[in-house]
Amino acid sequence: MENLLIWDAQGNAVDVFSHPLTGVHLNSFTLDMVRSGESSKSSIFAKLARLMVEN
């Protein structure tokens, strides 16, 4: 599990579970499980960032 923290443009903390980006982030974990039948330990976004850095 990751610590999810979101701030607005003014630097104020935002309630994570009421923000639409939280759903996008959490759904990126389940997409791997639906496609390959295996649970994912990192989000698709983390995997893409790692690929970009490694390549």
N, C-alpha and C. Protein backbone atom coordinates (compact mmCIF):
# COMPACT_ATOMS: atom_id res chain seq x y z
N MET A 1 0.85 -1.19 0.00
CA MET A 1 0.00 0.00 0.00
C MET A 1 0.88 1.23 0.00
N GLU A 2 0.45 2.23 -0.72
CA GLU A 2 1.20 3.47 -0.81
C GLU A 2 0.51 4.54 0.02
N ASN A 3 1.27 5.52 0.45
CA ASN A 3 0.68 6.69 1.12
C ASN A 3 0.21 7.64 0.03
N LEU A 4 -1.06 7.92 0.01
CA LEU A 4 -1.62 8.81 -1.00
C LEU A 4 -1.84 10.18 -0.39
N LEU A 5 -1.14 11.16 -0.92
CA LEU A 5 -1.27 12.55 -0.46
C LEU A 5 -1.45 13.44 -1.67
N ILE A 6 -2.41 14.34 -1.60
CA ILE A 6 -2.67 15.27 -2.70
C ILE A 6 -2.78 16.67 -2.12
N TRP A 7 -2.17 17.63 -2.82
CA TRP A 7 -2.27 19.04 -2.44
C TRP A 7 -2.84 19.82 -3.60
N ASP A 8 -3.60 20.88 -3.30
CA ASP A 8 -4.11 21.75 -4.35
C ASP A 8 -3.04 22.78 -4.72
N ALA A 9 -3.38 23.67 -5.65
CA ALA A 9 -2.42 24.67 -6.14
C ALA A 9 -1.96 25.63 -5.05
N GLN A 10 -2.77 25.80 -4.00
CA GLN A 10 -2.39 26.68 -2.90
C GLN A 10 -1.59 25.97 -1.81
N GLY A 11 -1.34 24.69 -1.97
CA GLY A 11 -0.57 23.93 -1.00
C GLY A 11 -1.39 23.35 0.14
N ASN A 12 -2.71 23.38 0.02
CA ASN A 12 -3.59 22.81 1.05
C ASN A 12 -3.83 21.34 0.77
N ALA A 13 -3.83 20.53 1.82
CA ALA A 13 -4.09 19.09 1.67
C ALA A 13 -5.52 18.88 1.20
N VAL A 14 -5.70 17.92 0.30
CA VAL A 14 -7.01 17.59 -0.25
C VAL A 14 -7.39 16.21 0.26
N ASP A 15 -8.68 16.01 0.53
CA ASP A 15 -9.17 14.70 0.94
C ASP A 15 -8.96 13.72 -0.21
N VAL A 16 -8.07 12.78 -0.03
CA VAL A 16 -7.63 11.87 -1.09
C VAL A 16 -8.79 11.06 -1.66
N PHE A 17 -9.64 10.51 -0.81
CA PHE A 17 -10.68 9.60 -1.29
C PHE A 17 -11.86 10.31 -1.93
N SER A 18 -11.89 11.64 -1.90
CA SER A 18 -12.94 12.36 -2.61
C SER A 18 -12.42 12.95 -3.92
N HIS A 19 -11.13 12.77 -4.21
CA HIS A 19 -10.53 13.34 -5.41
C HIS A 19 -10.59 12.34 -6.57
N PRO A 20 -10.95 12.78 -7.77
CA PRO A 20 -11.08 11.86 -8.91
C PRO A 20 -9.78 11.17 -9.31
N LEU A 21 -8.63 11.81 -9.09
CA LEU A 21 -7.36 11.18 -9.45
C LEU A 21 -7.07 9.94 -8.62
N THR A 22 -7.61 9.85 -7.42
CA THR A 22 -7.42 8.67 -6.58
C THR A 22 -8.01 7.45 -7.26
N GLY A 23 -9.20 7.58 -7.81
CA GLY A 23 -9.82 6.47 -8.53
C GLY A 23 -9.00 6.04 -9.73
N VAL A 24 -8.46 6.99 -10.46
CA VAL A 24 -7.62 6.67 -11.62
C VAL A 24 -6.39 5.90 -11.16
N HIS A 25 -5.75 6.37 -10.10
CA HIS A 25 -4.55 5.70 -9.58
C HIS A 25 -4.86 4.29 -9.10
N LEU A 26 -5.90 4.13 -8.31
CA LEU A 26 -6.24 2.81 -7.77
C LEU A 26 -6.69 1.86 -8.87
N ASN A 27 -7.40 2.35 -9.86
CA ASN A 27 -7.82 1.50 -10.98
C ASN A 27 -6.64 1.04 -11.82
N SER A 28 -5.54 1.77 -11.78
CA SER A 28 -4.37 1.36 -12.56
C SER A 28 -3.73 0.09 -11.99
N PHE A 29 -4.01 -0.24 -10.72
CA PHE A 29 -3.53 -1.49 -10.14
C PHE A 29 -4.37 -2.66 -10.64
N THR A 30 -5.68 -2.48 -10.72
CA THR A 30 -6.57 -3.58 -11.05
C THR A 30 -6.55 -3.93 -12.53
N LEU A 31 -6.13 -3.00 -13.39
CA LEU A 31 -6.09 -3.27 -14.82
C LEU A 31 -5.16 -4.44 -15.13
N ASP A 32 -4.01 -4.52 -14.47
CA ASP A 32 -3.10 -5.64 -14.66
C ASP A 32 -3.76 -6.96 -14.26
N MET A 33 -4.51 -6.95 -13.17
CA MET A 33 -5.12 -8.17 -12.68
C MET A 33 -6.18 -8.66 -13.66
N VAL A 34 -6.92 -7.76 -14.27
CA VAL A 34 -7.94 -8.14 -15.23
C VAL A 34 -7.30 -8.73 -16.48
N ARG A 35 -6.22 -8.14 -16.95
CA ARG A 35 -5.59 -8.58 -18.19
C ARG A 35 -4.79 -9.86 -18.04
N SER A 36 -4.02 -9.98 -16.98
CA SER A 36 -3.11 -11.13 -16.86
C SER A 36 -3.53 -12.14 -15.80
N GLY A 37 -4.53 -11.82 -15.00
CA GLY A 37 -4.97 -12.73 -13.96
C GLY A 37 -4.07 -12.71 -12.74
N GLU A 38 -3.14 -11.78 -12.67
CA GLU A 38 -2.23 -11.67 -11.52
C GLU A 38 -2.41 -10.31 -10.87
N SER A 39 -2.23 -10.26 -9.56
CA SER A 39 -2.35 -8.98 -8.89
C SER A 39 -1.07 -8.18 -9.10
N SER A 40 -1.22 -6.88 -9.18
CA SER A 40 -0.10 -5.99 -9.44
C SER A 40 0.41 -5.40 -8.13
N LYS A 41 1.72 -5.26 -8.02
CA LYS A 41 2.31 -4.66 -6.83
C LYS A 41 2.63 -3.19 -7.04
N SER A 42 2.54 -2.71 -8.28
CA SER A 42 2.75 -1.30 -8.54
C SER A 42 1.77 -0.85 -9.62
N SER A 43 1.48 0.42 -9.64
CA SER A 43 0.52 0.93 -10.60
C SER A 43 1.15 0.99 -11.99
N ILE A 44 0.31 1.09 -12.98
CA ILE A 44 0.78 1.21 -14.35
C ILE A 44 1.63 2.47 -14.50
N PHE A 45 1.24 3.54 -13.79
CA PHE A 45 1.99 4.79 -13.87
C PHE A 45 3.40 4.63 -13.32
N ALA A 46 3.55 3.89 -12.22
CA ALA A 46 4.88 3.63 -11.66
C ALA A 46 5.72 2.79 -12.62
N LYS A 47 5.08 1.82 -13.26
CA LYS A 47 5.81 0.98 -14.23
C LYS A 47 6.27 1.79 -15.42
N LEU A 48 5.41 2.66 -15.93
CA LEU A 48 5.81 3.51 -17.06
C LEU A 48 6.95 4.44 -16.68
N ALA A 49 6.88 5.03 -15.51
CA ALA A 49 7.96 5.93 -15.07
C ALA A 49 9.27 5.16 -14.93
N ARG A 50 9.23 3.94 -14.39
CA ARG A 50 10.43 3.13 -14.25
C ARG A 50 11.01 2.78 -15.62
N LEU A 51 10.16 2.42 -16.58
CA LEU A 51 10.63 2.11 -17.93
C LEU A 51 11.29 3.31 -18.58
N MET A 52 10.72 4.48 -18.39
CA MET A 52 11.29 5.70 -18.98
C MET A 52 12.65 6.01 -18.37
N VAL A 53 12.79 5.82 -17.07
CA VAL A 53 14.07 6.11 -16.42
C VAL A 53 15.13 5.07 -16.80
N GLU A 54 14.73 3.80 -16.84
CA GLU A 54 15.69 2.73 -17.14
C GLU A 54 16.12 2.72 -18.59
N ASN A 55 15.27 3.21 -19.49
CA ASN A 55 15.62 3.21 -20.91
C ASN A 55 16.07 4.59 -21.30
